[in-house]
Amino acid sequence: MDGIPDQLLVPVPGACSTLGGVSRTTVYDLVNRGELVKVNIGRRGFITAKSLAAYVDRLSECAAAATA
């Protein structure tokens, strides 16, 4: 399927790993602050890959602005 990433949803443990090994608590704190988007399929929770990428982009922009 062209234009669709391989993985649209990342399980919470995968999101922890993607963000450099942060804790589940940190991921849920980011969800509660609106920094990450969490969706459920049945009883399983996932973080959207789009929100993970956007969050990392915002961190990068802040870091670049701080050094400029």
C-alpha atoms as a PDB file:
ATOM      1  CA  MET A   1       0.000   0.000   0.000  1.00  0.00           C
ATOM      2  CA  ASP A   2       1.727   3.112  -1.239  1.00  0.00           C
ATOM      3  CA  GLY A   3       1.887   6.105   1.064  1.00  0.00           C
ATOM      4  CA  ILE A   4       0.973   4.181   4.204  1.00  0.00           C
ATOM      5  CA  PRO A   5       3.766   3.617   6.741  1.00  0.00           C
ATOM      6  CA  ASP A   6       4.527   0.048   7.785  1.00  0.00           C
ATOM      7  CA  GLN A   7       3.270   0.645  11.312  1.00  0.00           C
ATOM      8  CA  LEU A   8       0.628   3.261  12.101  1.00  0.00           C
ATOM      9  CA  LEU A   9       0.191   2.236  15.738  1.00  0.00           C
ATOM     10  CA  VAL A  10       2.949   1.414  18.205  1.00  0.00           C
ATOM     11  CA  PRO A  11       2.280  -0.639  21.355  1.00  0.00           C
ATOM     12  CA  VAL A  12       3.066   1.279  24.555  1.00  0.00           C
ATOM     13  CA  PRO A  13       6.245  -0.767  25.250  1.00  0.00           C
ATOM     14  CA  GLY A  14       7.364  -0.033  21.685  1.00  0.00           C
ATOM     15  CA  ALA A  15       6.722   3.676  22.215  1.00  0.00           C
ATOM     16  CA  CYS A  16       8.904   3.528  25.345  1.00  0.00           C
ATOM     17  CA  SER A  17      11.687   2.001  23.287  1.00  0.00           C
ATOM     18  CA  THR A  18      11.194   4.424  20.390  1.00  0.00           C
ATOM     19  CA  LEU A  19      11.636   7.350  22.775  1.00  0.00           C
ATOM     20  CA  GLY A  20      15.002   6.077  23.952  1.00  0.00           C
ATOM     21  CA  GLY A  21      13.919   3.721  26.690  1.00  0.00           C
ATOM     22  CA  VAL A  22      11.711   6.026  28.752  1.00  0.00           C
ATOM     23  CA  SER A  23       9.361   4.421  31.256  1.00  0.00           C
ATOM     24  CA  ARG A  24       5.708   3.546  30.725  1.00  0.00           C
ATOM     25  CA  THR A  25       4.903   6.204  33.315  1.00  0.00           C
ATOM     26  CA  THR A  26       6.629   8.839  31.177  1.00  0.00           C
ATOM     27  CA  VAL A  27       4.707   7.728  28.075  1.00  0.00           C
ATOM     28  CA  TYR A  28       1.394   7.902  29.953  1.00  0.00           C
ATOM     29  CA  ASP A  29       2.360  11.329  31.351  1.00  0.00           C
ATOM     30  CA  LEU A  30       2.968  12.506  27.765  1.00  0.00           C
ATOM     31  CA  VAL A  31      -0.439  11.103  26.765  1.00  0.00           C
ATOM     32  CA  ASN A  32      -2.138  12.886  29.681  1.00  0.00           C
ATOM     33  CA  ARG A  33      -0.442  16.180  28.708  1.00  0.00           C
ATOM     34  CA  GLY A  34      -1.619  15.779  25.108  1.00  0.00           C
ATOM     35  CA  GLU A  35       1.893  15.350  23.706  1.00  0.00           C
ATOM     36  CA  LEU A  36       1.151  11.820  22.418  1.00  0.00           C
ATOM     37  CA  VAL A  37      -2.069  10.296  21.102  1.00  0.00           C
ATOM     38  CA  LYS A  38      -3.181   6.961  22.587  1.00  0.00           C
ATOM     39  CA  VAL A  39      -5.844   4.804  20.975  1.00  0.00           C
ATOM     40  CA  ASN A  40      -7.332   1.512  22.072  1.00  0.00           C
ATOM     41  CA  ILE A  41      -8.212  -1.509  19.995  1.00  0.00           C
ATOM     42  CA  GLY A  42     -10.127  -3.740  22.311  1.00  0.00           C
ATOM     43  CA  ARG A  43      -8.195  -3.736  25.569  1.00  0.00           C
ATOM     44  CA  ARG A  44      -4.814  -2.988  23.979  1.00  0.00           C
ATOM     45  CA  GLY A  45      -3.392   0.511  24.019  1.00  0.00           C
ATOM     46  CA  PHE A  46      -1.329   1.971  21.203  1.00  0.00           C
ATOM     47  CA  ILE A  47       0.437   5.258  20.551  1.00  0.00           C
ATOM     48  CA  THR A  48       0.034   6.652  17.046  1.00  0.00           C
ATOM     49  CA  ALA A  49       3.263   6.683  15.061  1.00  0.00           C
ATOM     50  CA  LYS A  50       2.295  10.125  13.771  1.00  0.00           C
ATOM     51  CA  SER A  51       2.154  11.574  17.300  1.00  0.00           C
ATOM     52  CA  LEU A  52       5.512   9.987  18.176  1.00  0.00           C
ATOM     53  CA  ALA A  53       7.128  11.557  15.100  1.00  0.00           C
ATOM     54  CA  ALA A  54       5.532  14.941  15.822  1.00  0.00           C
ATOM     55  CA  TYR A  55       6.709  14.845  19.442  1.00  0.00           C
ATOM     56  CA  VAL A  56      10.300  14.078  18.437  1.00  0.00           C
ATOM     57  CA  ASP A  57      10.134  16.858  15.824  1.00  0.00           C
ATOM     58  CA  ARG A  58       8.985  19.330  18.494  1.00  0.00           C
ATOM     59  CA  LEU A  59      11.820  18.247  20.793  1.00  0.00           C
ATOM     60  CA  SER A  60      14.321  18.710  17.963  1.00  0.00           C
ATOM     61  CA  GLU A  61      12.980  22.173  17.134  1.00  0.00           C
ATOM     62  CA  CYS A  62      13.209  23.257  20.774  1.00  0.00           C
ATOM     63  CA  ALA A  63      16.756  21.949  21.053  1.00  0.00           C
ATOM     64  CA  ALA A  64      17.774  23.741  17.832  1.00  0.00           C
ATOM     65  CA  ALA A  65      16.196  26.991  19.014  1.00  0.00           C
ATOM     66  CA  ALA A  66      17.956  26.754  22.370  1.00  0.00           C
ATOM     67  CA  THR A  67      21.374  26.434  20.734  1.00  0.00           C
ATOM     68  CA  ALA A  68      20.753  29.232  18.197  1.00  0.00           C
END
